[in-house]
Protein backbone atom coordinates (compact mmCIF):
# COMPACT_ATOMS: atom_id res chain seq x y z
CA UNK A 1 -52.37 -10.45 -32.12
CA UNK A 2 -49.04 -11.27 -31.37
CA UNK A 3 -47.97 -15.17 -31.75
CA UNK A 4 -46.85 -17.02 -28.24
CA UNK A 5 -43.48 -18.01 -28.53
CA UNK A 6 -42.78 -21.73 -26.48
CA UNK A 7 -39.70 -20.82 -25.52
CA UNK A 8 -40.33 -17.10 -23.99
CA UNK A 9 -41.15 -17.87 -20.73
CA UNK A 10 -38.23 -20.70 -20.30
CA UNK A 11 -35.98 -18.44 -21.62
CA UNK A 12 -37.13 -15.33 -19.65
CA UNK A 13 -37.08 -17.89 -16.53
CA UNK A 14 -33.38 -19.11 -17.50
CA UNK A 15 -31.99 -15.42 -18.04
CA UNK A 16 -33.39 -14.50 -14.69
CA UNK A 17 -31.97 -17.33 -12.90
CA UNK A 18 -28.51 -16.62 -14.46
CA UNK A 19 -28.74 -12.97 -13.50
CA UNK A 20 -29.69 -13.87 -9.79
CA UNK A 21 -26.70 -16.42 -9.70
CA UNK A 22 -24.62 -13.78 -10.98
CA UNK A 23 -25.30 -11.22 -8.66
CA UNK A 24 -25.18 -13.81 -5.79
CA UNK A 25 -21.86 -14.60 -7.03
CA UNK A 26 -20.45 -11.15 -7.36
CA UNK A 27 -21.87 -10.33 -3.91
CA UNK A 28 -19.89 -13.08 -2.72
CA UNK A 29 -16.63 -12.40 -4.19
CA UNK A 30 -16.98 -8.42 -3.16
CA UNK A 31 -17.30 -9.31 0.74
CA UNK A 32 -14.79 -11.80 0.38
CA UNK A 33 -12.26 -9.32 -1.08
CA UNK A 34 -13.62 -6.77 1.75
CA UNK A 35 -12.78 -9.63 4.09
CA UNK A 36 -9.46 -9.86 2.59
CA UNK A 37 -8.73 -6.27 2.34
CA UNK A 38 -9.68 -5.37 6.41
CA UNK A 39 -7.38 -8.30 7.70
CA UNK A 40 -4.84 -7.71 5.62
CA UNK A 41 -4.60 -3.85 6.93
CA UNK A 42 -4.11 -5.05 10.19
CA UNK A 43 -1.65 -7.38 9.68
CA UNK A 44 2.08 -7.51 10.58
CA UNK A 45 1.74 -4.67 12.74
CA UNK A 46 4.43 -3.04 15.78
CA UNK A 47 3.46 -5.47 18.69
CA UNK A 48 2.72 -2.24 20.67
CA UNK A 49 0.47 -1.23 17.77
CA UNK A 50 -2.51 1.11 19.36
CA UNK A 51 -3.17 4.28 17.17
CA UNK A 52 -4.05 4.74 13.37
CA UNK A 53 -3.98 8.13 11.63
CA UNK A 54 -7.41 9.09 9.60
CA UNK A 55 -6.88 12.34 8.91
CA UNK A 56 -5.21 14.55 6.01
CA UNK A 57 -2.27 17.44 6.15
CA UNK A 58 -4.12 20.36 4.31
CA UNK A 59 -1.99 23.27 5.62
CA UNK A 60 1.79 24.26 5.94
CA UNK A 61 4.63 24.46 3.24
CA UNK A 62 5.69 21.24 1.55
CA UNK A 63 8.91 20.35 1.01
CA UNK A 64 10.26 17.68 -1.72
CA UNK A 65 13.43 15.28 -1.07
CA UNK A 66 15.02 13.07 -3.75
CA UNK A 67 16.99 9.94 -1.93
CA UNK A 68 19.00 10.56 -4.99
CA UNK A 69 20.34 13.89 -3.37
CA UNK A 70 22.02 12.83 -0.43
CA UNK A 71 21.14 11.24 3.42
CA UNK A 72 18.23 12.20 4.91
CA UNK A 73 17.91 10.94 8.43
CA UNK A 74 20.79 8.29 7.48
CA UNK A 75 22.59 6.91 4.36
CA UNK A 76 19.96 6.01 1.29
CA UNK A 77 20.44 2.77 -0.26
CA UNK A 78 20.34 2.60 -3.80
CA UNK A 79 17.72 0.28 -5.93
CA UNK A 80 20.92 -1.32 -7.37
CA UNK A 81 22.40 -2.51 -3.97
CA UNK A 82 20.81 -5.12 -1.73
CA UNK A 83 20.29 -3.68 1.28
CA UNK A 84 21.32 -5.49 4.54
CA UNK A 85 19.37 -8.04 6.55
CA UNK A 86 19.08 -8.08 10.07
CA UNK A 87 20.05 -11.63 11.53
CA UNK A 88 16.78 -11.51 13.77
CA UNK A 89 14.30 -12.59 11.41
CA UNK A 90 11.59 -13.76 13.47
CA UNK A 91 8.38 -13.72 12.70
CA UNK A 92 5.63 -10.79 13.01
CA UNK A 93 2.86 -11.22 15.26
CA UNK A 94 -0.17 -12.24 12.75
CA UNK A 95 -3.30 -10.01 12.25
CA UNK A 96 -4.62 -7.88 14.45
CA UNK A 97 -6.78 -4.70 15.05
CA UNK A 98 -5.44 -1.29 15.95
CA UNK A 99 -7.50 0.79 18.23
CA UNK A 100 -8.69 3.81 16.51
CA UNK A 101 -6.70 6.52 19.03
CA UNK A 102 -3.98 9.08 17.90
CA UNK A 103 -1.03 9.03 19.91
CA UNK A 104 -1.45 11.34 22.74
CA UNK A 105 2.16 13.14 22.81
CA UNK A 106 1.95 15.76 20.40
CA UNK A 107 5.59 15.69 19.51
CA UNK A 108 5.81 12.62 17.73
CA UNK A 109 6.65 12.08 14.52
CA UNK A 110 4.90 10.16 11.42
CA UNK A 111 5.55 8.76 8.54
CA UNK A 112 3.71 7.19 5.89
CA UNK A 113 5.38 5.10 2.80
CA UNK A 114 3.65 4.72 -0.61
CA UNK A 115 4.54 1.48 -2.18
CA UNK A 116 4.15 2.69 -6.32
CA UNK A 117 2.42 0.60 -8.98
CA UNK A 118 3.58 -0.14 -12.33
CA UNK A 119 2.49 3.01 -14.34
CA UNK A 120 2.63 3.50 -18.10
CA UNK A 121 2.52 7.07 -19.81
CA UNK A 122 2.65 10.31 -17.94
CA UNK A 123 -0.36 10.55 -15.29
CA UNK A 124 -0.51 8.09 -12.47
CA UNK A 125 -2.82 5.48 -13.11
CA UNK A 126 -5.94 4.59 -11.05
CA UNK A 127 -3.98 2.31 -8.98
CA UNK A 128 -1.36 4.93 -7.84
CA UNK A 129 -4.10 7.68 -7.77
CA UNK A 130 -5.77 5.64 -5.16
CA UNK A 131 -2.72 4.73 -3.13
CA UNK A 132 -1.73 8.67 -2.75
CA UNK A 133 -4.95 9.56 -1.77
CA UNK A 134 -4.91 6.86 0.95
CA UNK A 135 -1.67 7.73 1.80
CA UNK A 136 -2.41 11.11 2.48
CA UNK A 137 -5.63 10.74 4.32
CA UNK A 138 -2.95 8.07 6.80
CA UNK A 139 -1.28 10.73 7.67
CA UNK A 140 -1.46 12.28 11.26
CA UNK A 141 -1.85 15.76 11.63
CA UNK A 142 -1.59 15.84 15.01
CA UNK A 143 1.78 15.01 14.70
CA UNK A 144 4.72 17.50 15.03
CA UNK A 145 6.36 15.99 11.69
CA UNK A 146 4.11 14.20 9.29
CA UNK A 147 6.33 12.63 6.08
CA UNK A 148 4.62 11.20 3.12
CA UNK A 149 7.16 8.79 1.44
CA UNK A 150 6.16 7.98 -2.26
CA UNK A 151 8.43 5.36 -3.64
CA UNK A 152 8.38 3.94 -7.42
CA UNK A 153 10.98 3.92 -10.07
CA UNK A 154 10.54 3.83 -13.95
CA UNK A 155 9.51 0.55 -13.94
CA UNK A 156 6.57 0.87 -16.86
CA UNK A 157 7.49 3.93 -18.21
CA UNK A 158 10.50 6.59 -18.45
CA UNK A 159 8.79 9.06 -15.51
CA UNK A 160 9.51 7.14 -12.19
CA UNK A 161 6.19 6.39 -10.24
CA UNK A 162 7.31 8.53 -7.61
CA UNK A 163 7.18 11.46 -9.45
CA UNK A 164 3.87 10.80 -11.32
CA UNK A 165 2.67 10.21 -7.58
CA UNK A 166 4.23 13.38 -6.31
CA UNK A 167 2.50 15.37 -9.10
CA UNK A 168 -1.11 13.76 -8.37
CA UNK A 169 -0.45 14.94 -4.86
CA UNK A 170 0.77 18.32 -5.38
CA UNK A 171 -1.45 19.54 -8.37
CA UNK A 172 -4.49 17.30 -8.49
CA UNK A 173 -5.06 16.84 -4.72
CA UNK A 174 -3.52 19.94 -3.47
CA UNK A 175 -1.34 18.31 -0.93
CA UNK A 176 1.24 20.88 0.80
CA UNK A 177 3.16 18.73 3.11
CA UNK A 178 6.51 17.05 3.02
CA UNK A 179 6.79 14.63 0.19
CA UNK A 180 10.07 12.48 0.16
CA UNK A 181 10.69 10.51 -2.89
CA UNK A 182 12.57 7.36 -3.52
CA UNK A 183 12.50 6.96 -7.52
CA UNK A 184 14.92 4.15 -8.07
CA UNK A 185 13.25 1.27 -6.99
CA UNK A 186 12.10 -1.78 -9.02
CA UNK A 187 10.52 -3.99 -6.32
CA UNK A 188 8.33 -4.15 -3.11
CA UNK A 189 11.88 -4.92 -1.46
CA UNK A 190 13.92 -1.85 -2.77
CA UNK A 191 10.94 0.34 -1.75
CA UNK A 192 11.34 -0.89 1.75
CA UNK A 193 15.09 -0.75 1.67
CA UNK A 194 14.81 2.82 0.55
CA UNK A 195 12.57 4.27 2.66
CA UNK A 196 14.40 2.75 5.56
CA UNK A 197 16.79 5.72 6.01
CA UNK A 198 13.44 8.12 6.08
CA UNK A 199 11.91 5.93 8.96
CA UNK A 200 14.75 6.11 11.27
CA UNK A 201 13.32 8.94 13.52
CA UNK A 202 9.55 8.38 12.77
CA UNK A 203 7.86 7.03 16.09
CA UNK A 204 4.68 5.42 14.14
CA UNK A 205 5.45 4.39 10.25
CA UNK A 206 2.47 3.32 7.95
CA UNK A 207 2.99 1.70 4.54
CA UNK A 208 0.00 2.37 2.09
CA UNK A 209 -0.73 0.53 -0.94
CA UNK A 210 -3.64 -1.73 -1.88
CA UNK A 211 -3.91 -3.89 1.48
CA UNK A 212 -3.02 -6.86 0.30
CA UNK A 213 0.28 -5.22 -1.22
CA UNK A 214 0.72 -3.17 2.23
CA UNK A 215 1.04 -6.87 3.98
CA UNK A 216 3.70 -7.52 1.98
CA UNK A 217 5.90 -4.22 2.42
CA UNK A 218 5.21 -4.31 6.20
CA UNK A 219 6.35 -8.20 6.40
CA UNK A 220 9.15 -7.01 4.29
CA UNK A 221 10.00 -4.26 6.83
CA UNK A 222 9.78 -6.76 9.46
CA UNK A 223 12.69 -8.94 7.72
CA UNK A 224 14.69 -6.05 6.90
CA UNK A 225 14.48 -4.00 10.33
CA UNK A 226 12.42 -5.68 13.02
CA UNK A 227 13.28 -2.68 15.25
CA UNK A 228 11.69 -0.21 12.71
CA UNK A 229 8.44 -2.77 12.53
CA UNK A 230 8.10 -2.37 15.93
CA UNK A 231 6.59 1.19 15.31
CA UNK A 232 4.30 -0.23 12.56
CA UNK A 233 0.53 1.12 12.96
CA UNK A 234 -2.64 0.75 10.70
CA UNK A 235 -3.16 3.11 7.93
CA UNK A 236 -6.42 4.24 6.55
CA UNK A 237 -6.04 2.03 3.10
CA UNK A 238 -9.27 0.19 3.85
CA UNK A 239 -12.60 1.67 3.68
CA UNK A 240 -15.56 -1.01 2.88
CA UNK A 241 -16.99 -0.15 0.09
CA UNK A 242 -14.80 2.07 -1.93
CA UNK A 243 -12.66 0.68 -4.96
CA UNK A 244 -14.39 -2.61 -5.17
CA UNK A 245 -12.75 -3.84 -8.59
CA UNK A 246 -9.60 -2.83 -7.45
CA UNK A 247 -9.94 -4.78 -3.88
CA UNK A 248 -11.09 -7.79 -5.50
CA UNK A 249 -8.41 -8.08 -8.32
CA UNK A 250 -5.71 -6.75 -5.55
CA UNK A 251 -7.19 -10.12 -3.31
CA UNK A 252 -7.38 -12.15 -6.27
CA UNK A 253 -3.77 -11.49 -7.23
CA UNK A 254 -2.86 -11.71 -3.78
CA UNK A 255 -4.07 -15.56 -3.28
CA UNK A 256 -2.55 -16.40 -7.00
CA UNK A 257 0.63 -15.21 -5.51
CA UNK A 258 0.87 -16.91 -2.27
CA UNK A 259 -0.15 -20.04 -4.21
CA UNK A 260 2.59 -19.82 -7.15
CA UNK A 261 5.42 -18.88 -4.16
CA UNK A 262 5.51 -15.57 -6.14
CA UNK A 263 4.23 -14.06 -2.47
CA UNK A 264 7.66 -15.83 -0.40
CA UNK A 265 9.84 -14.98 -3.33
CA UNK A 266 9.07 -11.17 -3.01
CA UNK A 267 9.19 -10.94 0.76
CA UNK A 268 11.99 -13.39 1.40
CA UNK A 269 15.48 -12.00 2.21
CA UNK A 270 17.32 -14.97 1.13
CA UNK A 271 15.75 -14.71 -2.51
CA UNK A 272 16.49 -10.79 -3.26
CA UNK A 273 18.68 -11.64 -6.02
CA UNK A 274 16.00 -12.45 -8.49
CA UNK A 275 13.33 -10.52 -7.42
CA UNK A 276 9.83 -10.46 -9.04
CA UNK A 277 7.65 -7.61 -10.38
CA UNK A 278 5.68 -5.92 -7.66
CA UNK A 279 2.17 -6.89 -7.45
């Protein structure tokens, strides 16, 4: 006969209660992060944003271009120089929904900018793999030309983030579309500045990252080139239920950055001399 332990039932009850509270808390945190992610993915869009792309380019010969190789639709900005800032730095529109319609003009050109994340080692890490996948599925296959712009210098290792992301796109995902590389930038501000020469002729522009970081990228484009920012449309980085841990961490970091002022320092053109590391 098994002896009764006086605290067994109480211990089991406490364990169940703690587990229930933890489950509810985790679910609430996840749903909050989903909301932050969804709202961020639809913020700082162009005033006439009315399209979003959710298709993947899977055919066609790909070409790779490095910003160091020379001008491409304009003059490249090196990551060591401060980009010019338009005098008009008016506030961009707040979060809004973009209609899930593709542009009806098949002759338009589409550009997707993927912001890199600090990467140690010689393989794209989890965050950069997610961003590349989100960038590829954001490409509009109905466009006459569609370009994937991968941004990121050698911040965490000797190999630029852009090269690691390109390798992942080509070798692991089998992507054969056009890729342009910015392999010198060391901050989000420089990511956008170096991508601008490749956006001049694009009719639609998407900036892809973890959604809150993508929001920062779009805010920076509004500050650097509001004329190009008018062409911003929603990308396909947000999918409900996808990468929940990344969403929670990204949302928490974004909130912490806003509270600490790091967000403002990273997106304010007046403080570019002392850039903070990318989120």
